[in-house]
Amino acid sequence: NRRIEKMKARIIEERCAGCGMCVQVCPQGAIEMVGERKEVEVEKLEERIDMLLERIDNIKSMM
């Protein structure tokens, strides 16, 4: 399928905390952490946690 061939996985840098969780949960084993991530600023990490909690609430409300 040509459509599938054009699809590429990518990392959205501003959303990545460098935790490696994606590597652990990827069902295809297609993600690998190479090198070490720089330390993430605490404020940005807190923003990301808030964003994730909001997404979880949205998913729960859809069930």
Foldseek 3Di string as FASTA:
>chain_A
DVVVVPDDDDDPVLLDQQPCVCCVPVPVNPDDDDDGDDHDDPVSVVVNVVVVVVVVVVVVVVD
